[in-house]
Amino acid sequence: MEKIVERTLLYDFYGELLTEHQKQIYEDVVFNDLSFSEVAKERGISRQGVHDLMKRCTHILQEYERKLGLVEKFLKTQEKVREIHRLTKEFRQTEDRELVFQIEELSAQISRL
């Protein structure tokens, strides 16, 4: 997964579990695209402090994902929904009843995630 997408998804799912200070720094670097130096100057901390905090936040978010797996479940669900849409479109064109069973199986897989 592309690094920026991974960071964004991890933050979307687990960002509220960071402290307010951690969230502000993480958002400045990831979402506002500020350099460590810019964040350091704006927040009155050292560049190394920003670097260390980003490293710590990334580790924290990755640990939550390792333990809970919410991003992975989300991505699997998204993939199955895309497949359901593809099969539905194909069914509309062919009216092949076998596709209905495939769609039902994918729906069941989603509910088991």
Protein backbone atom coordinates (compact mmCIF):
# COMPACT_ATOMS: atom_id res chain seq x y z
CA MET A 1 0.00 0.00 0.00
CA GLU A 2 1.30 3.45 -0.84
CA LYS A 3 2.77 5.09 2.25
CA ILE A 4 0.51 8.18 2.24
CA VAL A 5 -2.62 6.03 1.77
CA GLU A 6 -1.50 3.71 4.56
CA ARG A 7 -0.85 6.64 6.91
CA THR A 8 -4.23 8.15 6.08
CA LEU A 9 -6.14 4.92 6.62
CA LEU A 10 -4.36 4.18 9.87
CA TYR A 11 -5.16 7.67 11.12
CA ASP A 12 -8.78 7.43 9.96
CA PHE A 13 -9.30 4.24 11.93
CA TYR A 14 -7.11 4.82 14.99
CA GLY A 15 -6.23 8.52 15.11
CA GLU A 16 -8.65 9.26 17.94
CA LEU A 17 -6.56 6.97 20.14
CA LEU A 18 -3.59 9.35 19.93
CA THR A 19 -3.15 12.25 22.33
CA GLU A 20 -4.21 15.69 21.15
CA HIS A 21 -0.56 16.73 20.78
CA GLN A 22 0.25 13.61 18.76
CA LYS A 23 -2.77 14.19 16.51
CA GLN A 24 -1.78 17.81 15.83
CA ILE A 25 1.78 16.88 14.84
CA TYR A 26 0.66 13.89 12.77
CA GLU A 27 -1.95 15.97 10.93
CA ASP A 28 0.55 18.75 10.23
CA VAL A 29 3.04 16.33 8.68
CA VAL A 30 0.68 13.92 6.90
CA PHE A 31 -2.35 16.01 5.95
CA ASN A 32 -0.95 19.55 5.82
CA ASP A 33 2.27 18.33 4.17
CA LEU A 34 4.50 20.41 6.42
CA SER A 35 8.15 19.51 6.82
CA PHE A 36 9.52 18.47 10.21
CA SER A 37 11.31 21.83 10.36
CA GLU A 38 8.12 23.77 9.65
CA VAL A 39 6.19 21.84 12.30
CA ALA A 40 9.02 22.26 14.79
CA LYS A 41 9.10 26.02 14.27
CA GLU A 42 5.30 26.33 14.45
CA ARG A 43 5.00 24.16 17.58
CA GLY A 44 8.11 25.39 19.38
CA ILE A 45 9.84 22.01 19.51
CA SER A 46 12.95 20.60 17.87
CA ARG A 47 13.00 19.05 14.44
CA GLN A 48 14.28 15.85 16.05
CA GLY A 49 11.33 15.98 18.45
CA VAL A 50 8.91 16.09 15.51
CA HIS A 51 10.75 13.22 13.84
CA ASP A 52 10.65 11.11 17.02
CA LEU A 53 6.98 11.88 17.61
CA MET A 54 6.07 10.92 14.03
CA LYS A 55 7.99 7.69 14.38
CA ARG A 56 6.22 6.95 17.68
CA CYS A 57 2.77 7.80 16.28
CA THR A 58 3.34 5.62 13.23
CA HIS A 59 4.40 2.74 15.47
CA ILE A 60 1.36 3.21 17.73
CA LEU A 61 -1.05 3.25 14.78
CA GLN A 62 0.60 0.21 13.20
CA GLU A 63 0.36 -1.67 16.50
CA TYR A 64 -3.37 -0.95 16.73
CA GLU A 65 -3.74 -2.29 13.20
CA ARG A 66 -1.66 -5.37 14.01
CA LYS A 67 -3.89 -6.12 16.99
CA LEU A 68 -7.29 -5.12 15.59
CA GLY A 69 -6.91 -5.42 11.81
CA LEU A 70 -9.65 -2.91 11.01
CA VAL A 71 -7.89 -1.42 7.98
CA GLU A 72 -7.27 -4.89 6.55
CA LYS A 73 -10.94 -5.83 7.05
CA PHE A 74 -12.02 -2.55 5.45
CA LEU A 75 -9.83 -3.15 2.39
CA LYS A 76 -11.06 -6.73 2.01
CA THR A 77 -14.66 -5.56 2.27
CA GLN A 78 -14.02 -2.82 -0.28
CA GLU A 79 -12.54 -5.39 -2.69
CA LYS A 80 -15.54 -7.72 -2.29
CA VAL A 81 -18.01 -4.87 -2.82
CA ARG A 82 -16.22 -3.94 -6.06
CA GLU A 83 -16.53 -7.57 -7.17
CA ILE A 84 -20.23 -7.59 -6.29
CA HIS A 85 -20.72 -4.46 -8.42
CA ARG A 86 -18.85 -6.08 -11.30
CA LEU A 87 -20.92 -9.28 -11.07
CA THR A 88 -24.16 -7.31 -10.80
CA LYS A 89 -23.32 -5.38 -13.94
CA GLU A 90 -22.47 -8.62 -15.73
CA PHE A 91 -25.73 -10.20 -14.52
CA ARG A 92 -27.74 -7.30 -15.93
CA GLN A 93 -26.14 -7.91 -19.30
CA THR A 94 -26.32 -11.72 -19.38
CA GLU A 95 -28.99 -12.67 -16.82
CA ASP A 96 -26.77 -15.64 -15.93
CA ARG A 97 -28.28 -17.07 -12.72
CA GLU A 98 -24.90 -18.47 -11.64
CA LEU A 99 -23.77 -14.91 -11.03
CA VAL A 100 -26.48 -14.51 -8.38
CA PHE A 101 -24.91 -17.34 -6.38
CA GLN A 102 -21.49 -15.72 -6.67
CA ILE A 103 -22.91 -12.41 -5.46
CA GLU A 104 -24.61 -14.14 -2.52
CA GLU A 105 -21.35 -15.89 -1.60
CA LEU A 106 -19.42 -12.60 -1.66
CA SER A 107 -22.10 -10.99 0.50
CA ALA A 108 -21.79 -13.84 2.99
CA GLN A 109 -18.00 -13.43 3.03
CA ILE A 110 -18.42 -9.74 3.83
CA SER A 111 -20.71 -10.52 6.75
CA ARG A 112 -18.10 -12.95 8.13
CA LEU A 113 -15.33 -10.33 8.15
